[in-house]
Structures are given as structure tokens and as C-alpha cells.
Amino acid sequence: MESIRPLLFIAVLAHLVLLGAAKHPHIIFIVADDLGWNDVGWHNDQMFTPNLDKMASRGVILNSSYVQPVCTPSRNCFMTGYYPFHTGLQHNVILVNTPGYLPSNFTTLPQKLKEIGYTTHMVGKWHLGFCNWKYTPTYRGFDSFMGYYNGAEDYFTHVRENGYDFRFNKSVHHPQEGEYSANVIAARAVEILDSVDPVRDQLYLYLPFQSVHAPLEVPERYENIYANISTKNRRTYCGMVSALDEAVGNITTALRDRGFMDNALIVFTTDNGGPTYEAANNLPLRGAKTTLWEGGTRGASFVYSENLLQKTGYTNSEMIHAVDWFPTLLTLAGGKPDAGMDGVNQWPTVSSGAPSARSEFVYNIDDISKNAAIRVGQYKLIEGSPGHFNGWTPLPPLAASDMVNASFPKHQLFDLQADPTEHHNIASDHPHVVSKLLDRLSFHKATMVPANNPRADPASNPQNFGGNWSPGWC
């Protein structure tokens, strides 16, 4: 008996060491692509998203979580904690044949997490530049990457225009023929979970899904869920949302079965508002993807954890911006964000409902489109044209809004507390508020770097790389 005690002590000590090493949580960051405000079950009971709904209702629904009008700038925010107008990515997206990129002098969230012992994996859409290897995921902090560099590719063939775009780390990768993108991403996520010890390791898993970006493609069984919808595009789009929901459900089941959920935080967000001109819907919000309206920038989002959140089962309306996820998650993981970044730590807000750590944010400052928007407290100021899709687009088969390419005054002011759907421009009634917000906007404009908006480069042609979109041309 005496000889067993030292062994028992050593075993207990080893177990405690392992528990201590796992005190910081696993972080699963899920990004949906082009998901509309009204395209999730917790906003619209016509949508079939049971897995997402369950986590949203049992976690914290984020009612004022803001993203950028399009995807590259939002991904920039998630990855760096800086506004796009500080990295040069404020205009449009990185086009497939242009040498745009997230500048390498910005340290990414996975790089920071690796420094403090996390294992970091990415599955899905990158869209932050690929013309040189140094701009690709495994050079920006990820231990592994499976996915694609660009956007808007075929969900089954992974072809974009005249080239193939799918990788495993640096190698061209061909998933099983005919397998739907959402299922490919979920299967790889489960494979990663099987390679990580939930007690010994700390995992950062970044899952930027292709779903539900165009092209509108989905296996028929998901589309059949919405047989009552007569409009083909909307029926397909809704099916894509349900396919995404099922894929997320498969991942969360794997997290639970493998013992990760006891110490995990799941963040779910869209990257921008829904493209109503495709088939998405943002009601009751105004506008669409690509615009500065709430419909383009206020994202469907929630956080979920079984043990880490102090207050759950409610809707949080505190102001949060996409740049805040970097310092929030890094702080939760035990790291320290660099001073001077645009993001702020919002963990007290999302975990316990404390007041937001910010009172203002910048929607965007675009020196090419000559527009900008800022929110200070309850007020939102838009300068220049908000974009091309400016109405409150109803659900099909009703007629779409007639406010495409409408003209607007140079400055519009909205009280989002009283008028969250932006029906009433009150700029002429509150000139002092307009002046105050213009001063704040001018302050931020003084820190802007010019947009990096390069021309198409024929050196990018996939035919130069065996038919694949590939790094090596800038």
C-alpha cells in the first residue's frame, strides 16, 4: 500500500497539471458568409435553423454586433483588431486577379494565440490575399488550413471563373467529388477535433464557411424544407442556410462528444448583411450587403458556452464591433492585446451583460467611394452615398424596393434608438449633433491610410499554375 501512494500522488499531480494547462478556453469562431439579419430562426420563425437557434437562445444573442459592408474588410477586422481604413482594405473586396492583401506588418489573432500556447486551425474562406505565400493562412498564424483563397466559387467543384481554388495547407486539394462545401468544412473541423486533446491543448478553430454566399447552390433535400416558397432563388438560399445550420450542428455535437464543450466558447457571426439583390433578407433593417445602412452592417450574431458565460438566455443590445473580437478573445485566452488597436475587450459585456466598452465606432471610411459613416451613442451619421441598395426589401415574391441608386443629401443623421430601421433623416433638426459627429469622423479620417485597390494582374492567371489560383505572382 505504501508503495502505491507515491504513484497515486504523481498521477493526481499530473492530472492537475493537465487541468491547469487547459484553464484557458477552446475558442471556436464561426463566420457565415452573406447571412441576412432576417435569415436566422431567432429573428424569423420561417427559417429552419434549430442548431443555431438552440445555441443562440441558451447563450447570448448579440443585437448590436456590427461588421463591415463586405467580406474582406470584416475578415480584416476579425484577424487584426484594426479598422480596414487603417490597413488599406476599406474599399470593396480583394478581387481574384488583383494583388491585394492584408499587410504583413499586422500581427493576426492566431499568431498572438500561438505565442501563448494555442494550437490554431482554419477551415473555409480566407479572402485576405494570396498573391504571395507570405499572405496566406499558414504564414499568418495557422497550424493548418483547408479551404480556399477567394470567394464566390462553386460549392461542389471549387472552381472560380477559369481556375480551381481549394487547398490543404499549401497543396492543391480535391475533396471527395460531389461533396457540398458546408459538409467538407464540417468534416475537416471534426478531423481537427480528433487530433487535439481537449484537456492538454488549447484550441483556436476558425471556421469561415462558404455558406451562404452566391452562387446559390444546395443539395435538393435542404431546398425541399422550404417547398412553400415559390421563388426559386429564395428557396435555394434558405436551403443553404439550413445546410449551414446542420453543418454547425455536426461540429457542436463533435465538440460535446469529445469533451471540448466543458471549456469552450463559440462565437457565431455573419461577415456582412445579406445581399437582398441575390435572395437574402434583412427586414426590418434598411439596405443590403455593400451599403452603410444597418442592413449591410448589423450582423446576426451570438455567443454560446456551457460554462464560461455568467449571464445567458437573453438578448444583449450593447454596442460591439468586429474589431473587438481580437482583443476580447485574446484576453480571454490569457494574452494581452497590443496598445493602440481599434478593438476593445468586450468580455465583460458578452459574458455578464456589462455596459459596452465603447461608445462609438466607425462603420467605414472609403476614400475611393467617397463615403463614410460613424455612430456615437444613439446617433449615426452617414456621409455621401450609403450604397446602391437603399430600401427595405420585402420577402419574395413581393416586388423589390424601388430605391436602388437613389440620391441622398451629403449628410444624413439617424437616431438608432428611436429609429433603428433608418426611416427618418433628422440632420436638419439636429445640426449640433451633425457637427459633433463630423468632428469625430474628421478625427478618424486623419488616421486613414489610402485604400490598396490594385489593378488586375495577368500574372495571376490560373493557367500559369496548372489551372489553379495560386500564390507566386506578386
Protein backbone atom coordinates (compact mmCIF):
# COMPACT_ATOMS: atom_id res chain seq x y z
CA MET A 1 0.00 0.00 0.00
CA GLU A 2 2.81 2.43 0.92
CA SER A 3 4.48 1.91 -2.47
CA ILE A 4 1.26 2.79 -4.28
CA ARG A 5 0.84 6.18 -2.60
CA PRO A 6 3.74 7.92 -4.40
CA LEU A 7 2.44 6.67 -7.72
CA LEU A 8 -1.06 7.87 -6.85
CA PHE A 9 0.32 11.27 -5.84
CA ILE A 10 2.21 11.55 -9.12
CA ALA A 11 -0.91 10.62 -11.11
CA VAL A 12 -3.04 13.21 -9.30
CA LEU A 13 -0.34 15.86 -9.74
CA ALA A 14 -0.07 15.10 -13.46
CA HIS A 15 -3.85 15.39 -13.80
CA LEU A 16 -3.80 18.76 -12.02
CA VAL A 17 -1.02 19.96 -14.30
CA LEU A 18 -3.09 19.00 -17.33
CA LEU A 19 -6.14 20.76 -15.93
CA GLY A 20 -4.06 23.84 -15.22
CA ALA A 21 -2.74 23.84 -18.78
CA ALA A 22 -6.34 23.79 -20.07
CA LYS A 23 -7.66 26.60 -17.89
CA HIS A 24 -7.91 28.92 -20.88
CA PRO A 25 -10.86 28.01 -23.09
CA HIS A 26 -11.10 26.49 -26.51
CA ILE A 27 -12.35 29.14 -28.94
CA ILE A 28 -14.46 28.26 -31.97
CA PHE A 29 -15.07 31.28 -34.21
CA ILE A 30 -17.73 30.59 -36.85
CA VAL A 31 -18.34 33.07 -39.68
CA ALA A 32 -21.29 32.77 -42.04
CA ASP A 33 -20.92 34.48 -45.41
CA ASP A 34 -23.65 36.87 -46.61
CA LEU A 35 -26.19 35.80 -43.98
CA GLY A 36 -29.07 38.27 -43.71
CA TRP A 37 -30.49 39.67 -40.48
CA ASN A 38 -33.85 38.04 -41.21
CA ASP A 39 -32.35 34.73 -42.35
CA VAL A 40 -31.97 33.06 -38.94
CA GLY A 41 -34.60 31.38 -36.80
CA TRP A 42 -34.20 33.66 -33.79
CA HIS A 43 -35.25 36.60 -35.99
CA ASN A 44 -37.57 34.82 -38.42
CA ASP A 45 -39.58 31.75 -37.42
CA GLN A 46 -39.92 30.73 -41.07
CA MET A 47 -36.24 29.80 -41.11
CA PHE A 48 -35.25 26.25 -40.11
CA THR A 49 -32.05 26.69 -38.11
CA PRO A 50 -32.57 24.53 -35.00
CA ASN A 51 -28.90 24.09 -34.08
CA LEU A 52 -28.07 27.77 -34.30
CA ASP A 53 -31.33 28.72 -32.59
CA LYS A 54 -30.62 26.43 -29.64
CA MET A 55 -27.20 27.95 -29.04
CA ALA A 56 -28.47 31.48 -29.57
CA SER A 57 -31.37 31.06 -27.13
CA ARG A 58 -29.20 29.37 -24.49
CA GLY A 59 -26.28 31.71 -24.99
CA VAL A 60 -26.32 35.45 -25.64
CA ILE A 61 -27.89 36.91 -28.78
CA LEU A 62 -25.91 39.98 -29.82
CA ASN A 63 -28.41 42.50 -31.10
CA SER A 64 -25.94 45.31 -31.89
CA SER A 65 -22.94 43.46 -33.25
CA TYR A 66 -21.52 45.34 -36.24
CA VAL A 67 -19.48 44.15 -39.18
CA GLN A 68 -18.28 45.72 -42.43
CA PRO A 69 -20.44 46.12 -45.56
CA VAL A 70 -18.50 43.40 -47.44
CA CYS A 71 -16.40 40.39 -46.53
CA THR A 72 -12.69 41.22 -46.95
CA PRO A 73 -12.90 44.24 -44.61
CA SER A 74 -14.77 42.21 -41.97
CA ARG A 75 -12.22 39.40 -42.10
CA ASN A 76 -9.55 42.04 -41.71
CA CYS A 77 -11.28 43.18 -38.50
CA PHE A 78 -11.53 39.65 -37.09
CA MET A 79 -7.90 38.93 -37.90
CA THR A 80 -6.22 42.20 -36.80
CA GLY A 81 -8.46 44.19 -34.45
CA TYR A 82 -7.97 47.23 -36.69
CA TYR A 83 -10.48 49.10 -38.84
CA PRO A 84 -9.97 48.46 -42.57
CA PHE A 85 -9.16 52.14 -43.16
CA HIS A 86 -6.06 51.55 -41.02
CA THR A 87 -4.89 48.57 -43.08
CA GLY A 88 -5.80 49.77 -46.60
CA LEU A 89 -8.65 47.26 -47.03
CA GLN A 90 -11.56 49.67 -46.76
CA HIS A 91 -12.65 49.60 -50.41
CA ASN A 92 -14.56 46.66 -51.83
CA VAL A 93 -13.03 43.16 -51.57
CA ILE A 94 -9.80 41.62 -52.81
CA LEU A 95 -10.68 40.51 -56.32
CA VAL A 96 -9.47 37.16 -57.54
CA ASN A 97 -6.95 38.56 -60.05
CA THR A 98 -5.68 41.59 -58.09
CA PRO A 99 -2.61 41.64 -55.80
CA GLY A 100 -4.42 42.88 -52.70
CA TYR A 101 -3.58 41.55 -49.24
CA LEU A 102 -3.67 42.06 -45.51
CA PRO A 103 -0.34 43.83 -44.85
CA SER A 104 2.19 41.56 -43.17
CA ASN A 105 3.14 44.16 -40.55
CA PHE A 106 -0.16 43.48 -38.78
CA THR A 107 0.00 40.61 -36.28
CA THR A 108 -3.00 38.34 -36.57
CA LEU A 109 -5.11 36.84 -33.81
CA PRO A 110 -3.90 33.26 -34.49
CA GLN A 111 -0.29 34.48 -34.36
CA LYS A 112 -0.95 36.00 -30.94
CA LEU A 113 -2.72 32.87 -29.74
CA LYS A 114 0.14 30.66 -30.91
CA GLU A 115 2.54 32.77 -28.84
CA ILE A 116 0.63 31.79 -25.69
CA GLY A 117 0.37 28.11 -26.49
CA TYR A 118 -2.76 27.66 -28.58
CA THR A 119 -3.00 25.27 -31.50
CA THR A 120 -4.63 27.14 -34.36
CA HIS A 121 -6.57 25.76 -37.30
CA MET A 122 -8.62 27.29 -40.10
CA VAL A 123 -11.20 25.71 -42.39
CA GLY A 124 -13.02 27.72 -45.07
CA LYS A 125 -12.72 31.06 -46.81
CA TRP A 126 -9.61 33.25 -46.46
CA HIS A 127 -10.16 36.27 -48.77
CA LEU A 128 -7.29 38.30 -47.31
CA GLY A 129 -4.84 37.94 -50.19
CA PHE A 130 -2.89 35.12 -51.78
CA CYS A 131 -0.64 36.60 -54.48
CA ASN A 132 2.43 35.78 -52.35
CA TRP A 133 2.76 32.82 -49.99
CA LYS A 134 3.51 35.15 -47.08
CA TYR A 135 -0.07 36.46 -47.24
CA THR A 136 -1.69 33.00 -46.96
CA PRO A 137 -3.10 31.36 -43.80
CA THR A 138 -0.24 29.07 -42.77
CA TYR A 139 2.10 32.09 -42.90
CA ARG A 140 -0.31 34.21 -40.86
CA GLY A 141 -0.55 32.09 -37.73
CA PHE A 142 -2.49 28.93 -38.59
CA ASP A 143 -1.03 25.49 -37.92
CA SER A 144 -3.25 24.12 -40.64
CA PHE A 145 -5.52 25.46 -43.37
CA MET A 146 -8.07 23.72 -45.52
CA GLY A 147 -10.18 25.90 -47.76
CA TYR A 148 -9.97 28.47 -50.49
CA TYR A 149 -8.30 31.82 -51.02
CA ASN A 150 -11.01 33.77 -52.83
CA GLY A 151 -14.81 33.90 -52.80
CA ALA A 152 -17.88 33.00 -54.85
CA GLU A 153 -16.66 29.65 -56.11
CA ASP A 154 -18.77 26.62 -56.96
CA TYR A 155 -19.87 24.73 -53.83
CA PHE A 156 -19.22 21.32 -55.40
CA THR A 157 -16.34 21.79 -57.86
CA HIS A 158 -14.44 24.63 -56.08
CA VAL A 159 -13.90 26.38 -59.40
CA ARG A 160 -13.88 30.17 -59.59
CA GLU A 161 -14.04 31.58 -63.13
CA ASN A 162 -11.23 29.77 -65.00
CA GLY A 163 -9.36 28.30 -62.05
CA TYR A 164 -9.55 25.77 -59.23
CA ASP A 165 -9.32 27.15 -55.69
CA PHE A 166 -9.05 24.68 -52.81
CA ARG A 167 -6.04 23.88 -50.60
CA PHE A 168 -4.83 21.71 -47.79
CA ASN A 169 -2.10 23.84 -46.23
CA LYS A 170 -0.05 24.81 -49.31
CA SER A 171 -1.06 21.89 -51.54
CA VAL A 172 -3.90 21.87 -54.04
CA HIS A 173 -6.57 19.64 -52.51
CA HIS A 174 -9.52 17.82 -54.06
CA PRO A 175 -12.25 16.81 -51.60
CA GLN A 176 -14.48 13.88 -52.45
CA GLU A 177 -16.16 14.58 -55.76
CA GLY A 178 -19.66 15.99 -55.44
CA GLU A 179 -19.40 16.75 -51.72
CA TYR A 180 -21.11 20.00 -50.70
CA SER A 181 -18.85 22.73 -49.30
CA ALA A 182 -20.56 23.01 -45.90
CA ASN A 183 -20.14 19.27 -45.35
CA VAL A 184 -16.49 19.37 -46.42
CA ILE A 185 -15.80 22.13 -43.89
CA ALA A 186 -17.65 20.33 -41.09
CA ALA A 187 -15.86 17.04 -41.77
CA ARG A 188 -12.46 18.72 -41.64
CA ALA A 189 -13.42 20.51 -38.39
CA VAL A 190 -14.28 17.15 -36.80
CA GLU A 191 -10.99 15.73 -38.07
CA ILE A 192 -9.16 18.55 -36.30
CA LEU A 193 -11.06 17.86 -33.07
CA ASP A 194 -9.90 14.26 -33.26
CA SER A 195 -6.28 15.46 -33.41
CA VAL A 196 -6.46 17.78 -30.38
CA ASP A 197 -6.52 16.79 -26.71
CA PRO A 198 -9.39 18.73 -25.07
CA VAL A 199 -7.61 18.73 -21.67
CA ARG A 200 -3.96 19.18 -22.56
CA ASP A 201 -4.33 21.51 -25.57
CA GLN A 202 -5.95 24.89 -26.13
CA LEU A 203 -7.68 25.11 -29.50
CA TYR A 204 -8.48 28.09 -31.68
CA LEU A 205 -10.66 26.87 -34.54
CA TYR A 206 -11.59 29.49 -37.15
CA LEU A 207 -14.48 28.34 -39.36
CA PRO A 208 -15.33 30.91 -42.06
CA PHE A 209 -17.94 28.96 -44.02
CA GLN A 210 -18.58 29.47 -47.72
CA SER A 211 -22.28 29.37 -46.92
CA VAL A 212 -24.40 31.22 -47.85
CA HIS A 213 -22.60 33.33 -50.45
CA ALA A 214 -23.52 33.11 -54.13
CA PRO A 215 -23.61 31.06 -56.30
CA LEU A 216 -26.93 29.78 -54.98
CA GLU A 217 -26.36 26.03 -54.74
CA VAL A 218 -27.57 23.42 -52.27
CA PRO A 219 -28.49 19.71 -52.26
CA GLU A 220 -32.16 19.27 -53.03
CA ARG A 221 -33.09 17.87 -49.62
CA TYR A 222 -32.32 21.21 -47.96
CA GLU A 223 -34.21 23.18 -50.57
CA ASN A 224 -37.22 20.90 -50.05
CA ILE A 225 -37.52 22.16 -46.46
CA TYR A 226 -38.86 25.37 -48.00
CA ALA A 227 -41.24 23.88 -50.56
CA ASN A 228 -43.81 26.52 -49.59
CA ILE A 229 -41.58 29.29 -51.00
CA SER A 230 -42.48 29.86 -54.64
CA THR A 231 -39.44 31.93 -55.59
CA LYS A 232 -36.62 29.61 -56.69
CA ASN A 233 -33.70 31.78 -55.58
CA ARG A 234 -35.15 32.39 -52.15
CA ARG A 235 -35.99 28.71 -51.72
CA THR A 236 -32.42 27.73 -52.60
CA TYR A 237 -30.91 30.41 -50.40
CA CYS A 238 -32.99 29.30 -47.40
CA GLY A 239 -31.93 25.71 -48.06
CA MET A 240 -28.30 26.89 -47.97
CA VAL A 241 -28.93 28.42 -44.55
CA SER A 242 -30.33 25.13 -43.27
CA ALA A 243 -27.35 23.23 -44.71
CA LEU A 244 -25.08 25.61 -42.80
CA ASP A 245 -27.10 25.01 -39.65
CA GLU A 246 -26.77 21.24 -39.99
CA ALA A 247 -23.01 21.52 -40.54
CA VAL A 248 -22.65 23.66 -37.41
CA GLY A 249 -24.77 21.11 -35.53
CA ASN A 250 -22.41 18.31 -36.60
CA ILE A 251 -19.44 20.30 -35.32
CA THR A 252 -21.03 21.15 -31.97
CA THR A 253 -22.03 17.50 -31.49
CA ALA A 254 -18.41 16.53 -32.07
CA LEU A 255 -17.24 19.20 -29.62
CA ARG A 256 -19.55 17.78 -26.98
CA ASP A 257 -18.80 14.11 -27.66
CA ARG A 258 -15.05 14.72 -27.49
CA GLY A 259 -15.09 16.69 -24.28
CA PHE A 260 -14.42 20.20 -25.59
CA MET A 261 -17.71 21.83 -24.58
CA ASP A 262 -16.91 21.90 -20.86
CA ASN A 263 -14.35 24.62 -21.56
CA ALA A 264 -15.27 26.20 -24.88
CA LEU A 265 -16.61 29.48 -26.23
CA ILE A 266 -18.42 29.55 -29.57
CA VAL A 267 -18.75 32.84 -31.43
CA PHE A 268 -21.10 32.96 -34.41
CA THR A 269 -21.37 35.95 -36.72
CA THR A 270 -22.05 36.88 -40.29
CA ASP A 271 -19.39 38.83 -42.18
CA ASN A 272 -21.81 41.43 -43.56
CA GLY A 273 -25.51 41.96 -44.10
CA GLY A 274 -27.44 39.87 -46.57
CA PRO A 275 -27.37 40.58 -50.33
CA THR A 276 -31.05 41.22 -50.91
CA TYR A 277 -30.29 41.50 -54.63
CA GLU A 278 -29.42 37.78 -54.55
CA ALA A 279 -32.02 36.22 -52.24
CA ALA A 280 -31.17 37.26 -48.67
CA ASN A 281 -33.38 39.34 -46.41
CA ASN A 282 -32.55 41.95 -43.76
CA LEU A 283 -36.00 43.04 -42.58
CA PRO A 284 -36.79 45.15 -40.69
CA LEU A 285 -33.40 46.74 -41.33
CA ARG A 286 -32.71 49.02 -44.26
CA GLY A 287 -30.27 48.28 -47.05
CA ALA A 288 -28.13 45.32 -48.04
CA LYS A 289 -24.62 43.99 -48.29
CA THR A 290 -22.25 46.64 -49.76
CA THR A 291 -24.13 49.50 -48.07
CA LEU A 292 -23.56 51.57 -44.93
CA TRP A 293 -27.17 51.06 -43.86
CA GLU A 294 -27.88 48.85 -40.84
CA GLY A 295 -28.94 46.07 -43.21
CA GLY A 296 -25.40 45.96 -44.58
CA THR A 297 -23.51 46.33 -41.32
CA ARG A 298 -25.51 44.99 -38.38
CA GLY A 299 -24.76 41.29 -38.20
CA ALA A 300 -26.74 38.32 -36.95
CA SER A 301 -24.55 37.06 -34.11
CA PHE A 302 -24.42 35.22 -30.78
CA VAL A 303 -22.00 33.71 -28.29
CA TYR A 304 -22.50 30.36 -26.61
CA SER A 305 -20.78 28.44 -23.83
CA GLU A 306 -21.92 25.85 -21.34
CA ASN A 307 -19.75 27.17 -18.50
CA LEU A 308 -17.99 30.42 -19.35
CA LEU A 309 -20.86 32.92 -19.59
CA GLN A 310 -22.18 34.41 -16.35
CA LYS A 311 -25.48 35.59 -17.86
CA THR A 312 -27.29 33.64 -20.58
CA GLY A 313 -30.62 33.21 -22.29
CA TYR A 314 -31.17 36.84 -23.25
CA THR A 315 -30.58 39.41 -25.99
CA ASN A 316 -27.70 41.82 -25.45
CA SER A 317 -28.11 45.19 -27.19
CA GLU A 318 -24.75 46.68 -26.19
CA MET A 319 -22.58 48.12 -28.97
CA ILE A 320 -19.95 45.67 -30.28
CA HIS A 321 -17.84 45.94 -33.43
CA ALA A 322 -15.99 43.30 -35.47
CA VAL A 323 -12.62 44.75 -34.39
CA ASP A 324 -13.49 43.91 -30.78
CA TRP A 325 -13.28 40.14 -31.23
CA PHE A 326 -9.47 40.20 -31.43
CA PRO A 327 -8.83 41.81 -28.01
CA THR A 328 -11.83 40.08 -26.43
CA LEU A 329 -10.76 36.57 -27.41
CA LEU A 330 -7.07 37.19 -26.84
CA THR A 331 -7.73 38.50 -23.33
CA LEU A 332 -9.99 35.53 -22.57
CA ALA A 333 -7.18 33.25 -23.77
CA GLY A 334 -4.73 34.83 -21.34
CA GLY A 335 -2.94 37.10 -23.80
CA LYS A 336 -2.50 40.85 -23.89
CA PRO A 337 -3.57 42.91 -26.92
CA ASP A 338 -1.16 45.49 -28.25
CA ALA A 339 -1.83 49.07 -27.24
CA GLY A 340 -3.42 51.32 -29.84
CA MET A 341 -5.57 48.84 -31.75
CA ASP A 342 -9.10 49.87 -32.67
CA GLY A 343 -10.77 46.93 -30.94
CA VAL A 344 -11.61 46.88 -27.24
CA ASN A 345 -12.08 43.98 -24.84
CA GLN A 346 -15.81 43.24 -24.65
CA TRP A 347 -15.66 40.12 -22.49
CA PRO A 348 -17.48 41.75 -19.53
CA THR A 349 -20.23 42.78 -21.96
CA VAL A 350 -20.75 39.44 -23.70
CA SER A 351 -20.19 37.30 -20.60
CA SER A 352 -22.19 39.20 -17.98
CA GLY A 353 -24.13 41.96 -19.74
CA ALA A 354 -21.92 44.84 -18.54
CA PRO A 355 -22.17 48.13 -20.45
CA SER A 356 -20.21 48.18 -23.69
CA ALA A 357 -16.57 49.22 -23.51
CA ARG A 358 -17.18 51.55 -26.46
CA SER A 359 -19.49 54.49 -27.07
CA GLU A 360 -18.67 54.93 -30.76
CA PHE A 361 -17.40 53.09 -33.80
CA VAL A 362 -16.68 53.82 -37.45
CA TYR A 363 -18.74 51.90 -40.00
CA ASN A 364 -16.16 52.68 -42.67
CA ILE A 365 -14.21 55.46 -44.35
CA ASP A 366 -13.78 54.80 -48.07
CA ASP A 367 -11.55 57.27 -49.88
CA ILE A 368 -12.43 55.80 -53.28
CA SER A 369 -16.22 55.62 -52.92
CA LYS A 370 -16.09 58.94 -51.03
CA ASN A 371 -18.43 57.80 -48.29
CA ALA A 372 -18.21 57.16 -44.57
CA ALA A 373 -20.36 56.56 -41.52
CA ILE A 374 -19.90 56.80 -37.77
CA ARG A 375 -22.01 56.03 -34.74
CA VAL A 376 -21.68 57.93 -31.46
CA GLY A 377 -24.10 56.83 -28.76
CA GLN A 378 -27.57 56.60 -30.26
CA TYR A 379 -26.74 58.68 -33.32
CA LYS A 380 -25.49 57.55 -36.72
CA LEU A 381 -24.09 59.91 -39.35
CA ILE A 382 -23.73 58.88 -42.99
CA GLU A 383 -21.58 60.98 -45.31
CA GLY A 384 -22.00 60.55 -49.04
CA SER A 385 -23.93 57.76 -50.73
CA PRO A 386 -24.75 54.80 -48.44
CA GLY A 387 -24.57 52.46 -51.44
CA HIS A 388 -26.74 51.10 -54.25
CA PHE A 389 -29.38 49.13 -52.34
CA ASN A 390 -31.20 51.57 -50.12
CA GLY A 391 -34.67 50.28 -49.34
CA TRP A 392 -36.43 47.81 -47.07
CA THR A 393 -36.51 44.79 -49.36
CA PRO A 394 -39.53 42.57 -48.63
CA LEU A 395 -39.54 38.81 -48.76
CA PRO A 396 -40.24 37.28 -52.22
CA PRO A 397 -42.41 37.10 -54.20
CA LEU A 398 -43.27 40.73 -53.42
CA ALA A 399 -41.75 43.45 -55.58
CA ALA A 400 -38.27 44.61 -54.56
CA SER A 401 -37.52 48.09 -53.29
CA ASP A 402 -37.50 50.92 -55.82
CA MET A 403 -34.65 52.74 -54.06
CA VAL A 404 -31.74 51.25 -55.99
CA ASN A 405 -29.20 54.01 -56.77
CA ALA A 406 -31.34 56.64 -55.02
CA SER A 407 -29.73 60.03 -54.38
CA PHE A 408 -29.22 61.41 -50.88
CA PRO A 409 -28.01 64.60 -49.20
CA LYS A 410 -24.33 64.81 -48.29
CA HIS A 411 -25.06 64.10 -44.63
CA GLN A 412 -27.80 62.01 -43.05
CA LEU A 413 -28.39 61.62 -39.32
CA PHE A 414 -30.41 58.87 -37.66
CA ASP A 415 -31.36 58.24 -34.06
CA LEU A 416 -30.95 54.45 -33.94
CA GLN A 417 -32.52 54.23 -30.51
CA ALA A 418 -35.79 55.77 -31.70
CA ASP A 419 -35.49 54.76 -35.36
CA PRO A 420 -33.43 51.55 -35.75
CA THR A 421 -34.81 50.98 -39.25
CA GLU A 422 -33.49 54.35 -40.52
CA HIS A 423 -36.70 55.81 -41.87
CA HIS A 424 -36.18 59.39 -40.69
CA ASN A 425 -33.21 61.57 -41.56
CA ILE A 426 -33.08 64.14 -38.73
CA ALA A 427 -29.94 66.01 -39.81
CA SER A 428 -31.76 69.31 -40.35
CA ASP A 429 -33.38 69.10 -36.92
CA HIS A 430 -30.13 68.48 -35.02
CA PRO A 431 -27.29 70.46 -36.63
CA HIS A 432 -25.30 70.42 -33.38
CA VAL A 433 -25.32 66.61 -33.36
CA VAL A 434 -24.25 66.54 -37.03
CA SER A 435 -21.39 68.90 -36.17
CA LYS A 436 -20.28 66.74 -33.26
CA LEU A 437 -20.26 63.55 -35.31
CA LEU A 438 -18.46 65.26 -38.19
CA ASP A 439 -15.74 66.29 -35.76
CA ARG A 440 -15.34 62.68 -34.65
CA LEU A 441 -15.34 61.49 -38.26
CA SER A 442 -12.65 64.05 -39.12
CA PHE A 443 -10.56 62.77 -36.22
CA HIS A 444 -10.68 59.25 -37.65
CA LYS A 445 -10.10 60.41 -41.23
CA ALA A 446 -6.81 61.95 -40.15
CA THR A 447 -5.56 58.44 -39.30
CA MET A 448 -6.70 56.75 -42.53
CA VAL A 449 -4.24 55.10 -44.89
CA PRO A 450 -5.06 55.11 -48.62
CA ALA A 451 -7.07 52.20 -49.90
CA ASN A 452 -5.00 49.46 -51.52
CA ASN A 453 -7.01 48.90 -54.66
CA PRO A 454 -4.62 47.42 -57.25
CA ARG A 455 -5.47 46.68 -60.84
CA ALA A 456 -5.91 43.17 -62.18
CA ASP A 457 -2.62 41.45 -62.93
CA PRO A 458 -2.50 38.94 -65.80
CA ALA A 459 0.28 37.12 -63.92
CA SER A 460 -2.49 35.75 -61.67
CA ASN A 461 -3.94 33.64 -64.49
CA PRO A 462 -4.53 30.08 -63.21
CA GLN A 463 -3.16 28.73 -66.46
CA ASN A 464 0.26 29.84 -65.18
CA PHE A 465 -0.18 27.48 -62.21
CA GLY A 466 -1.61 24.30 -63.66
CA GLY A 467 -5.18 25.61 -63.70
CA ASN A 468 -5.17 26.65 -60.03
CA TRP A 469 -5.50 30.01 -58.34
CA SER A 470 -2.11 30.04 -56.69
CA PRO A 471 0.38 32.29 -54.89
CA GLY A 472 3.59 33.31 -56.61
CA TRP A 473 2.76 36.31 -58.80
CA CYS A 474 3.48 39.35 -56.62
